[in-house]
Full PDB file with SEQRES, HELIX, SHEET, SSBOND, CRYST1, ORIGX, SCALE, CONECT and MASTER records, all heavy atoms in Angstrom:
SEQRES   1 A   35  ASP GLY GLY VAL SER ALA SER ARG TYR SER TYR MET GLY          
SEQRES   2 A   35  GLY PHE ASP GLY THR SER ASN VAL LEU ALA GLY TYR LEU          
SEQRES   3 A   35  PHE ASP VAL PRO ILE ARG GLY THR HIS                          
HELIX    1 AA1 GLY A    2  MET A   12  1                                  11    
HELIX    2 AA2 VAL A   21  PHE A   27  1                                   7    
CRYST1    1.000    1.000    1.000  90.00  90.00  90.00 P 1           1          
ORIGX1      1.000000  0.000000  0.000000        0.00000                         
ORIGX2      0.000000  1.000000  0.000000        0.00000                         
ORIGX3      0.000000  0.000000  1.000000        0.00000                         
SCALE1      1.000000  0.000000  0.000000        0.00000                         
SCALE2      0.000000  1.000000  0.000000        0.00000                         
SCALE3      0.000000  0.000000  1.000000        0.00000                         
ATOM      1  N   ASP A   1     -19.640  55.415  -0.043  1.00  0.00           N  
ATOM      2  CA  ASP A   1     -21.046  55.427   0.255  1.00  0.00           C  
ATOM      3  C   ASP A   1     -21.813  56.749   0.170  1.00  0.00           C  
ATOM      4  O   ASP A   1     -22.810  56.902  -0.517  1.00  0.00           O  
ATOM      5  CB  ASP A   1     -21.321  54.749   1.606  1.00  0.00           C  
ATOM      6  CG  ASP A   1     -20.594  53.461   1.790  1.00  0.00           C  
ATOM      7  OD1 ASP A   1     -20.779  52.569   0.908  1.00  0.00           O  
ATOM      8  OD2 ASP A   1     -19.823  53.308   2.739  1.00  0.00           O  
ATOM      9  N   GLY A   2     -20.917  57.697   0.713  1.00  0.00           N  
ATOM     10  CA  GLY A   2     -21.477  59.134   0.612  1.00  0.00           C  
ATOM     11  C   GLY A   2     -21.547  59.545  -0.885  1.00  0.00           C  
ATOM     12  O   GLY A   2     -22.467  60.242  -1.218  1.00  0.00           O  
ATOM     13  N   GLY A   3     -20.607  59.120  -1.621  1.00  0.00           N  
ATOM     14  CA  GLY A   3     -20.583  59.549  -2.945  1.00  0.00           C  
ATOM     15  C   GLY A   3     -21.636  59.078  -3.892  1.00  0.00           C  
ATOM     16  O   GLY A   3     -22.279  59.799  -4.595  1.00  0.00           O  
ATOM     17  N   VAL A   4     -21.894  57.844  -3.744  1.00  0.00           N  
ATOM     18  CA  VAL A   4     -22.992  57.163  -4.477  1.00  0.00           C  
ATOM     19  C   VAL A   4     -24.360  57.819  -3.984  1.00  0.00           C  
ATOM     20  O   VAL A   4     -25.192  58.013  -4.889  1.00  0.00           O  
ATOM     21  CB  VAL A   4     -23.037  55.548  -4.330  1.00  0.00           C  
ATOM     22  CG1 VAL A   4     -24.226  55.035  -4.936  1.00  0.00           C  
ATOM     23  CG2 VAL A   4     -21.696  55.048  -5.063  1.00  0.00           C  
ATOM     24  N   SER A   5     -24.537  57.910  -2.798  1.00  0.00           N  
ATOM     25  CA  SER A   5     -25.797  58.516  -2.260  1.00  0.00           C  
ATOM     26  C   SER A   5     -26.004  59.854  -2.799  1.00  0.00           C  
ATOM     27  O   SER A   5     -27.084  60.265  -3.195  1.00  0.00           O  
ATOM     28  CB  SER A   5     -25.808  58.511  -0.789  1.00  0.00           C  
ATOM     29  OG  SER A   5     -25.793  57.173  -0.208  1.00  0.00           O  
ATOM     30  N   ALA A   6     -24.945  60.718  -2.752  1.00  0.00           N  
ATOM     31  CA  ALA A   6     -25.002  62.052  -3.283  1.00  0.00           C  
ATOM     32  C   ALA A   6     -25.408  62.127  -4.809  1.00  0.00           C  
ATOM     33  O   ALA A   6     -26.233  62.818  -5.119  1.00  0.00           O  
ATOM     34  CB  ALA A   6     -23.708  62.760  -3.108  1.00  0.00           C  
ATOM     35  N   SER A   7     -24.823  61.187  -5.549  1.00  0.00           N  
ATOM     36  CA  SER A   7     -25.185  61.199  -6.985  1.00  0.00           C  
ATOM     37  C   SER A   7     -26.623  60.774  -7.121  1.00  0.00           C  
ATOM     38  O   SER A   7     -27.388  61.325  -7.930  1.00  0.00           O  
ATOM     39  CB  SER A   7     -24.236  60.162  -7.572  1.00  0.00           C  
ATOM     40  OG  SER A   7     -22.895  60.576  -7.542  1.00  0.00           O  
ATOM     41  N   ARG A   8     -27.046  59.819  -6.374  1.00  0.00           N  
ATOM     42  CA  ARG A   8     -28.461  59.187  -6.596  1.00  0.00           C  
ATOM     43  C   ARG A   8     -29.460  60.317  -6.165  1.00  0.00           C  
ATOM     44  O   ARG A   8     -30.369  60.694  -6.833  1.00  0.00           O  
ATOM     45  CB  ARG A   8     -28.590  58.021  -5.678  1.00  0.00           C  
ATOM     46  CG  ARG A   8     -29.970  57.427  -5.638  1.00  0.00           C  
ATOM     47  CD  ARG A   8     -30.130  56.270  -4.718  1.00  0.00           C  
ATOM     48  NE  ARG A   8     -31.338  55.591  -4.692  1.00  0.00           N  
ATOM     49  CZ  ARG A   8     -31.775  54.550  -4.079  1.00  0.00           C  
ATOM     50  NH1 ARG A   8     -30.789  54.115  -3.098  1.00  0.00           N  
ATOM     51  NH2 ARG A   8     -32.800  53.996  -4.177  1.00  0.00           N  
ATOM     52  N   TYR A   9     -29.178  60.921  -5.011  1.00  0.00           N  
ATOM     53  CA  TYR A   9     -30.221  61.900  -4.560  1.00  0.00           C  
ATOM     54  C   TYR A   9     -30.048  63.323  -5.106  1.00  0.00           C  
ATOM     55  O   TYR A   9     -31.069  64.035  -5.059  1.00  0.00           O  
ATOM     56  CB  TYR A   9     -30.136  61.907  -2.971  1.00  0.00           C  
ATOM     57  CG  TYR A   9     -30.603  60.562  -2.452  1.00  0.00           C  
ATOM     58  CD1 TYR A   9     -29.599  59.820  -1.763  1.00  0.00           C  
ATOM     59  CD2 TYR A   9     -31.848  60.147  -2.658  1.00  0.00           C  
ATOM     60  CE1 TYR A   9     -29.989  58.603  -1.343  1.00  0.00           C  
ATOM     61  CE2 TYR A   9     -32.150  58.845  -2.100  1.00  0.00           C  
ATOM     62  CZ  TYR A   9     -31.297  58.124  -1.401  1.00  0.00           C  
ATOM     63  OH  TYR A   9     -31.593  56.861  -0.947  1.00  0.00           O  
ATOM     64  N   SER A  10     -29.006  63.666  -5.711  1.00  0.00           N  
ATOM     65  CA  SER A  10     -28.924  64.885  -6.558  1.00  0.00           C  
ATOM     66  C   SER A  10     -29.763  64.733  -7.729  1.00  0.00           C  
ATOM     67  O   SER A  10     -30.403  65.735  -8.059  1.00  0.00           O  
ATOM     68  CB  SER A  10     -27.341  65.069  -6.878  1.00  0.00           C  
ATOM     69  OG  SER A  10     -26.686  65.473  -5.941  1.00  0.00           O  
ATOM     70  N   TYR A  11     -29.735  63.574  -8.390  1.00  0.00           N  
ATOM     71  CA  TYR A  11     -30.674  63.242  -9.509  1.00  0.00           C  
ATOM     72  C   TYR A  11     -32.149  63.294  -9.094  1.00  0.00           C  
ATOM     73  O   TYR A  11     -32.841  64.059  -9.877  1.00  0.00           O  
ATOM     74  CB  TYR A  11     -30.194  61.873 -10.139  1.00  0.00           C  
ATOM     75  CG  TYR A  11     -30.980  61.588 -11.385  1.00  0.00           C  
ATOM     76  CD1 TYR A  11     -30.881  62.348 -12.457  1.00  0.00           C  
ATOM     77  CD2 TYR A  11     -31.941  60.493 -11.502  1.00  0.00           C  
ATOM     78  CE1 TYR A  11     -31.610  62.065 -13.662  1.00  0.00           C  
ATOM     79  CE2 TYR A  11     -32.525  60.129 -12.590  1.00  0.00           C  
ATOM     80  CZ  TYR A  11     -32.408  60.981 -13.725  1.00  0.00           C  
ATOM     81  OH  TYR A  11     -33.079  60.626 -14.787  1.00  0.00           O  
ATOM     82  N   MET A  12     -32.360  62.870  -7.985  1.00  0.00           N  
ATOM     83  CA  MET A  12     -33.742  62.908  -7.568  1.00  0.00           C  
ATOM     84  C   MET A  12     -34.203  64.366  -7.261  1.00  0.00           C  
ATOM     85  O   MET A  12     -35.290  64.771  -7.468  1.00  0.00           O  
ATOM     86  CB  MET A  12     -33.968  62.101  -6.234  1.00  0.00           C  
ATOM     87  CG  MET A  12     -35.334  62.067  -5.794  1.00  0.00           C  
ATOM     88  SD  MET A  12     -35.502  61.181  -4.132  1.00  0.00           S  
ATOM     89  CE  MET A  12     -35.256  59.463  -4.871  1.00  0.00           C  
ATOM     90  N   GLY A  13     -33.326  65.223  -6.789  1.00  0.00           N  
ATOM     91  CA  GLY A  13     -33.635  66.535  -6.541  1.00  0.00           C  
ATOM     92  C   GLY A  13     -33.670  67.452  -7.744  1.00  0.00           C  
ATOM     93  O   GLY A  13     -33.919  68.662  -7.612  1.00  0.00           O  
ATOM     94  N   GLY A  14     -33.322  66.988  -8.960  1.00  0.00           N  
ATOM     95  CA  GLY A  14     -33.474  67.739 -10.063  1.00  0.00           C  
ATOM     96  C   GLY A  14     -32.311  68.046 -10.951  1.00  0.00           C  
ATOM     97  O   GLY A  14     -32.307  68.561 -12.079  1.00  0.00           O  
ATOM     98  N   PHE A  15     -31.229  67.304 -10.574  1.00  0.00           N  
ATOM     99  CA  PHE A  15     -29.879  67.353 -11.450  1.00  0.00           C  
ATOM    100  C   PHE A  15     -30.106  66.451 -12.786  1.00  0.00           C  
ATOM    101  O   PHE A  15     -31.016  65.504 -12.749  1.00  0.00           O  
ATOM    102  CB  PHE A  15     -28.695  66.949 -10.824  1.00  0.00           C  
ATOM    103  CG  PHE A  15     -27.923  67.954  -9.984  1.00  0.00           C  
ATOM    104  CD1 PHE A  15     -28.770  68.883  -9.243  1.00  0.00           C  
ATOM    105  CD2 PHE A  15     -26.581  68.172 -10.112  1.00  0.00           C  
ATOM    106  CE1 PHE A  15     -28.105  69.854  -8.570  1.00  0.00           C  
ATOM    107  CE2 PHE A  15     -25.955  69.195  -9.399  1.00  0.00           C  
ATOM    108  CZ  PHE A  15     -26.623  70.032  -8.589  1.00  0.00           C  
ATOM    109  N   ASP A  16     -29.464  66.759 -13.836  1.00  0.00           N  
ATOM    110  CA  ASP A  16     -29.680  66.007 -15.079  1.00  0.00           C  
ATOM    111  C   ASP A  16     -28.865  64.755 -15.170  1.00  0.00           C  
ATOM    112  O   ASP A  16     -29.098  63.841 -15.971  1.00  0.00           O  
ATOM    113  CB  ASP A  16     -29.397  66.867 -16.277  1.00  0.00           C  
ATOM    114  CG  ASP A  16     -30.384  68.003 -16.286  1.00  0.00           C  
ATOM    115  OD1 ASP A  16     -31.618  67.844 -16.503  1.00  0.00           O  
ATOM    116  OD2 ASP A  16     -29.909  69.226 -16.082  1.00  0.00           O  
ATOM    117  N   GLY A  17     -27.714  64.599 -14.388  1.00  0.00           N  
ATOM    118  CA  GLY A  17     -26.836  63.568 -14.478  1.00  0.00           C  
ATOM    119  C   GLY A  17     -25.780  63.540 -13.474  1.00  0.00           C  
ATOM    120  O   GLY A  17     -25.691  64.523 -12.676  1.00  0.00           O  
ATOM    121  N   THR A  18     -24.781  62.605 -13.590  1.00  0.00           N  
ATOM    122  CA  THR A  18     -23.661  62.664 -12.686  1.00  0.00           C  
ATOM    123  C   THR A  18     -22.409  62.109 -13.440  1.00  0.00           C  
ATOM    124  O   THR A  18     -22.546  61.401 -14.442  1.00  0.00           O  
ATOM    125  CB  THR A  18     -23.999  61.727 -11.488  1.00  0.00           C  
ATOM    126  OG1 THR A  18     -22.888  61.596 -10.548  1.00  0.00           O  
ATOM    127  CG2 THR A  18     -24.325  60.274 -11.992  1.00  0.00           C  
ATOM    128  N   SER A  19     -21.320  62.359 -12.733  1.00  0.00           N  
ATOM    129  CA  SER A  19     -20.087  61.822 -13.399  1.00  0.00           C  
ATOM    130  C   SER A  19     -19.846  60.357 -12.833  1.00  0.00           C  
ATOM    131  O   SER A  19     -18.995  59.686 -13.321  1.00  0.00           O  
ATOM    132  CB  SER A  19     -18.929  62.673 -13.021  1.00  0.00           C  
ATOM    133  OG  SER A  19     -18.686  62.692 -11.605  1.00  0.00           O  
ATOM    134  N   ASN A  20     -20.607  60.001 -11.865  1.00  0.00           N  
ATOM    135  CA  ASN A  20     -20.335  58.800 -11.064  1.00  0.00           C  
ATOM    136  C   ASN A  20     -20.910  57.537 -11.890  1.00  0.00           C  
ATOM    137  O   ASN A  20     -22.126  57.232 -11.996  1.00  0.00           O  
ATOM    138  CB  ASN A  20     -21.088  58.881  -9.753  1.00  0.00           C  
ATOM    139  CG  ASN A  20     -20.659  57.753  -8.792  1.00  0.00           C  
ATOM    140  OD1 ASN A  20     -20.301  56.646  -9.190  1.00  0.00           O  
ATOM    141  ND2 ASN A  20     -20.952  58.006  -7.456  1.00  0.00           N  
ATOM    142  N   VAL A  21     -19.931  56.691 -12.385  1.00  0.00           N  
ATOM    143  CA  VAL A  21     -20.392  55.660 -13.137  1.00  0.00           C  
ATOM    144  C   VAL A  21     -21.151  54.575 -12.380  1.00  0.00           C  
ATOM    145  O   VAL A  21     -22.139  53.960 -12.842  1.00  0.00           O  
ATOM    146  CB  VAL A  21     -19.174  54.925 -13.780  1.00  0.00           C  
ATOM    147  CG1 VAL A  21     -19.601  53.714 -14.695  1.00  0.00           C  
ATOM    148  CG2 VAL A  21     -18.384  56.026 -14.838  1.00  0.00           C  
ATOM    149  N   LEU A  22     -20.636  54.309 -11.057  1.00  0.00           N  
ATOM    150  CA  LEU A  22     -21.401  53.363 -10.274  1.00  0.00           C  
ATOM    151  C   LEU A  22     -22.828  53.773 -10.070  1.00  0.00           C  
ATOM    152  O   LEU A  22     -23.680  52.859 -10.106  1.00  0.00           O  
ATOM    153  CB  LEU A  22     -20.660  53.100  -9.008  1.00  0.00           C  
ATOM    154  CG  LEU A  22     -21.107  52.001  -8.029  1.00  0.00           C  
ATOM    155  CD1 LEU A  22     -21.221  50.752  -8.709  1.00  0.00           C  
ATOM    156  CD2 LEU A  22     -20.452  51.973  -6.747  1.00  0.00           C  
ATOM    157  N   ALA A  23     -23.117  54.998  -9.806  1.00  0.00           N  
ATOM    158  CA  ALA A  23     -24.371  55.432  -9.656  1.00  0.00           C  
ATOM    159  C   ALA A  23     -25.254  55.332 -10.752  1.00  0.00           C  
ATOM    160  O   ALA A  23     -26.466  54.925 -10.825  1.00  0.00           O  
ATOM    161  CB  ALA A  23     -24.520  56.885  -9.267  1.00  0.00           C  
ATOM    162  N   GLY A  24     -24.690  55.486 -12.026  1.00  0.00           N  
ATOM    163  CA  GLY A  24     -25.324  55.188 -13.284  1.00  0.00           C  
ATOM    164  C   GLY A  24     -25.725  53.807 -13.407  1.00  0.00           C  
ATOM    165  O   GLY A  24     -26.828  53.438 -13.831  1.00  0.00           O  
ATOM    166  N   TYR A  25     -24.805  52.979 -13.085  1.00  0.00           N  
ATOM    167  CA  TYR A  25     -24.871  51.437 -13.179  1.00  0.00           C  
ATOM    168  C   TYR A  25     -26.074  50.937 -12.253  1.00  0.00           C  
ATOM    169  O   TYR A  25     -26.977  50.125 -12.655  1.00  0.00           O  
ATOM    170  CB  TYR A  25     -23.564  50.803 -12.883  1.00  0.00           C  
ATOM    171  CG  TYR A  25     -23.639  49.256 -12.787  1.00  0.00           C  
ATOM    172  CD1 TYR A  25     -23.908  48.487 -13.905  1.00  0.00           C  
ATOM    173  CD2 TYR A  25     -23.549  48.696 -11.487  1.00  0.00           C  
ATOM    174  CE1 TYR A  25     -23.998  46.988 -13.847  1.00  0.00           C  
ATOM    175  CE2 TYR A  25     -23.554  47.262 -11.348  1.00  0.00           C  
ATOM    176  CZ  TYR A  25     -23.801  46.538 -12.490  1.00  0.00           C  
ATOM    177  OH  TYR A  25     -23.834  45.207 -12.384  1.00  0.00           O  
ATOM    178  N   LEU A  26     -26.047  51.384 -10.946  1.00  0.00           N  
ATOM    179  CA  LEU A  26     -26.864  51.107 -10.064  1.00  0.00           C  
ATOM    180  C   LEU A  26     -28.389  51.526 -10.122  1.00  0.00           C  
ATOM    181  O   LEU A  26     -29.322  50.800  -9.912  1.00  0.00           O  
ATOM    182  CB  LEU A  26     -26.345  51.331  -8.598  1.00  0.00           C  
ATOM    183  CG  LEU A  26     -25.069  50.510  -8.126  1.00  0.00           C  
ATOM    184  CD1 LEU A  26     -24.682  51.034  -6.730  1.00  0.00           C  
ATOM    185  CD2 LEU A  26     -25.424  49.071  -8.052  1.00  0.00           C  
ATOM    186  N   PHE A  27     -28.427  52.795 -10.400  1.00  0.00           N  
ATOM    187  CA  PHE A  27     -29.860  53.519 -10.296  1.00  0.00           C  
ATOM    188  C   PHE A  27     -30.124  54.111 -11.580  1.00  0.00           C  
ATOM    189  O   PHE A  27     -31.184  54.891 -11.724  1.00  0.00           O  
ATOM    190  CB  PHE A  27     -29.597  54.676  -9.156  1.00  0.00           C  
ATOM    191  CG  PHE A  27     -29.180  54.072  -7.939  1.00  0.00           C  
ATOM    192  CD1 PHE A  27     -27.945  54.496  -7.487  1.00  0.00           C  
ATOM    193  CD2 PHE A  27     -29.924  53.190  -7.288  1.00  0.00           C  
ATOM    194  CE1 PHE A  27     -27.531  53.996  -6.165  1.00  0.00           C  
ATOM    195  CE2 PHE A  27     -29.545  52.664  -6.066  1.00  0.00           C  
ATOM    196  CZ  PHE A  27     -28.307  53.094  -5.459  1.00  0.00           C  
ATOM    197  N   ASP A  28     -29.484  53.858 -12.783  1.00  0.00           N  
ATOM    198  CA  ASP A  28     -29.856  54.340 -14.048  1.00  0.00           C  
ATOM    199  C   ASP A  28     -29.787  55.903 -14.116  1.00  0.00           C  
ATOM    200  O   ASP A  28     -30.579  56.492 -14.842  1.00  0.00           O  
ATOM    201  CB  ASP A  28     -31.184  53.847 -14.554  1.00  0.00           C  
ATOM    202  CG  ASP A  28     -31.402  53.869 -16.064  1.00  0.00           C  
ATOM    203  OD1 ASP A  28     -30.340  53.792 -16.839  1.00  0.00           O  
ATOM    204  OD2 ASP A  28     -32.598  53.993 -16.479  1.00  0.00           O  
ATOM    205  N   VAL A  29     -28.969  56.440 -13.337  1.00  0.00           N  
ATOM    206  CA  VAL A  29     -28.752  57.950 -13.450  1.00  0.00           C  
ATOM    207  C   VAL A  29     -27.784  58.193 -14.614  1.00  0.00           C  
ATOM    208  O   VAL A  29     -26.926  57.596 -14.903  1.00  0.00           O  
ATOM    209  CB  VAL A  29     -27.958  58.439 -12.301  1.00  0.00           C  
ATOM    210  CG1 VAL A  29     -27.935  59.956 -12.299  1.00  0.00           C  
ATOM    211  CG2 VAL A  29     -28.870  58.052 -10.907  1.00  0.00           C  
ATOM    212  N   PRO A  30     -28.314  59.164 -15.550  1.00  0.00           N  
ATOM    213  CA  PRO A  30     -27.555  59.548 -16.793  1.00  0.00           C  
ATOM    214  C   PRO A  30     -26.131  59.863 -16.393  1.00  0.00           C  
ATOM    215  O   PRO A  30     -25.921  60.740 -15.386  1.00  0.00           O  
ATOM    216  CB  PRO A  30     -28.206  60.676 -17.425  1.00  0.00           C  
ATOM    217  CG  PRO A  30     -29.668  60.519 -16.912  1.00  0.00           C  
ATOM    218  CD  PRO A  30     -29.581  59.981 -15.565  1.00  0.00           C  
ATOM    219  N   ILE A  31     -25.117  59.256 -16.945  1.00  0.00           N  
ATOM    220  CA  ILE A  31     -23.779  59.737 -16.620  1.00  0.00           C  
ATOM    221  C   ILE A  31     -23.198  60.640 -17.839  1.00  0.00           C  
ATOM    222  O   ILE A  31     -23.381  60.503 -18.983  1.00  0.00           O  
ATOM    223  CB  ILE A  31     -22.723  58.396 -16.431  1.00  0.00           C  
ATOM    224  CG1 ILE A  31     -22.851  57.478 -17.669  1.00  0.00           C  
ATOM    225  CG2 ILE A  31     -23.166  57.742 -15.278  1.00  0.00           C  
ATOM    226  CD1 ILE A  31     -21.900  56.356 -17.627  1.00  0.00           C  
ATOM    227  N   ARG A  32     -22.350  61.612 -17.304  1.00  0.00           N  
ATOM    228  CA  ARG A  32     -21.837  62.622 -18.130  1.00  0.00           C  
ATOM    229  C   ARG A  32     -20.362  62.909 -17.611  1.00  0.00           C  
ATOM    230  O   ARG A  32     -19.929  62.458 -16.503  1.00  0.00           O  
ATOM    231  CB  ARG A  32     -22.661  63.985 -18.085  1.00  0.00           C  
ATOM    232  CG  ARG A  32     -24.099  63.873 -18.424  1.00  0.00           C  
ATOM    233  CD  ARG A  32     -24.268  63.716 -19.930  1.00  0.00           C  
ATOM    234  NE  ARG A  32     -25.658  63.592 -20.192  1.00  0.00           N  
ATOM    235  CZ  ARG A  32     -26.445  62.569 -20.305  1.00  0.00           C  
ATOM    236  NH1 ARG A  32     -26.023  61.460 -20.071  1.00  0.00           N  
ATOM    237  NH2 ARG A  32     -27.756  62.718 -20.708  1.00  0.00           N  
ATOM    238  N   GLY A  33     -19.639  63.668 -18.515  1.00  0.00           N  
ATOM    239  CA  GLY A  33     -18.245  63.956 -18.071  1.00  0.00           C  
ATOM    240  C   GLY A  33     -17.601  64.993 -18.992  1.00  0.00           C  
ATOM    241  O   GLY A  33     -18.149  65.351 -20.015  1.00  0.00           O  
ATOM    242  N   THR A  34     -16.533  65.623 -18.480  1.00  0.00           N  
ATOM    243  CA  THR A  34     -15.728  66.558 -19.277  1.00  0.00           C  
ATOM    244  C   THR A  34     -14.419  65.954 -19.422  1.00  0.00           C  
ATOM    245  O   THR A  34     -14.247  64.978 -20.190  1.00  0.00           O  
ATOM    246  CB  THR A  34     -15.728  67.887 -18.532  1.00  0.00           C  
ATOM    247  OG1 THR A  34     -15.198  67.766 -17.130  1.00  0.00           O  
ATOM    248  CG2 THR A  34     -17.050  68.490 -18.573  1.00  0.00           C  
ATOM    249  N   HIS A  35     -13.261  66.564 -18.981  1.00  0.00           N  
ATOM    250  CA  HIS A  35     -11.970  66.005 -18.975  1.00  0.00           C  
ATOM    251  C   HIS A  35     -11.254  66.678 -17.887  1.00  0.00           C  
ATOM    252  O   HIS A  35     -11.564  67.859 -17.340  1.00  0.00           O  
ATOM    253  CB  HIS A  35     -11.380  66.208 -20.280  1.00  0.00           C  
ATOM    254  CG  HIS A  35     -11.317  67.697 -20.933  1.00  0.00           C  
ATOM    255  ND1 HIS A  35     -10.671  68.598 -20.389  1.00  0.00           N  
ATOM    256  CD2 HIS A  35     -12.082  68.152 -21.935  1.00  0.00           C  
ATOM    257  CE1 HIS A  35     -10.762  69.690 -20.928  1.00  0.00           C  
ATOM    258  NE2 HIS A  35     -11.703  69.503 -21.803  1.00  0.00           N  
TER     259      HIS A  35                                                      
MASTER        0    0    0    2    0    0    0    6  258    1    0    3          
END                                                                             
């Protein structure tokens, strides 16, 4: 719960995306990754 909330509200605060696939699925936050 904390992880999804952090991803969602980080995006609201000005981040460009998240590694969190569930946050992307639920809230349309752009998902990104490295390796």
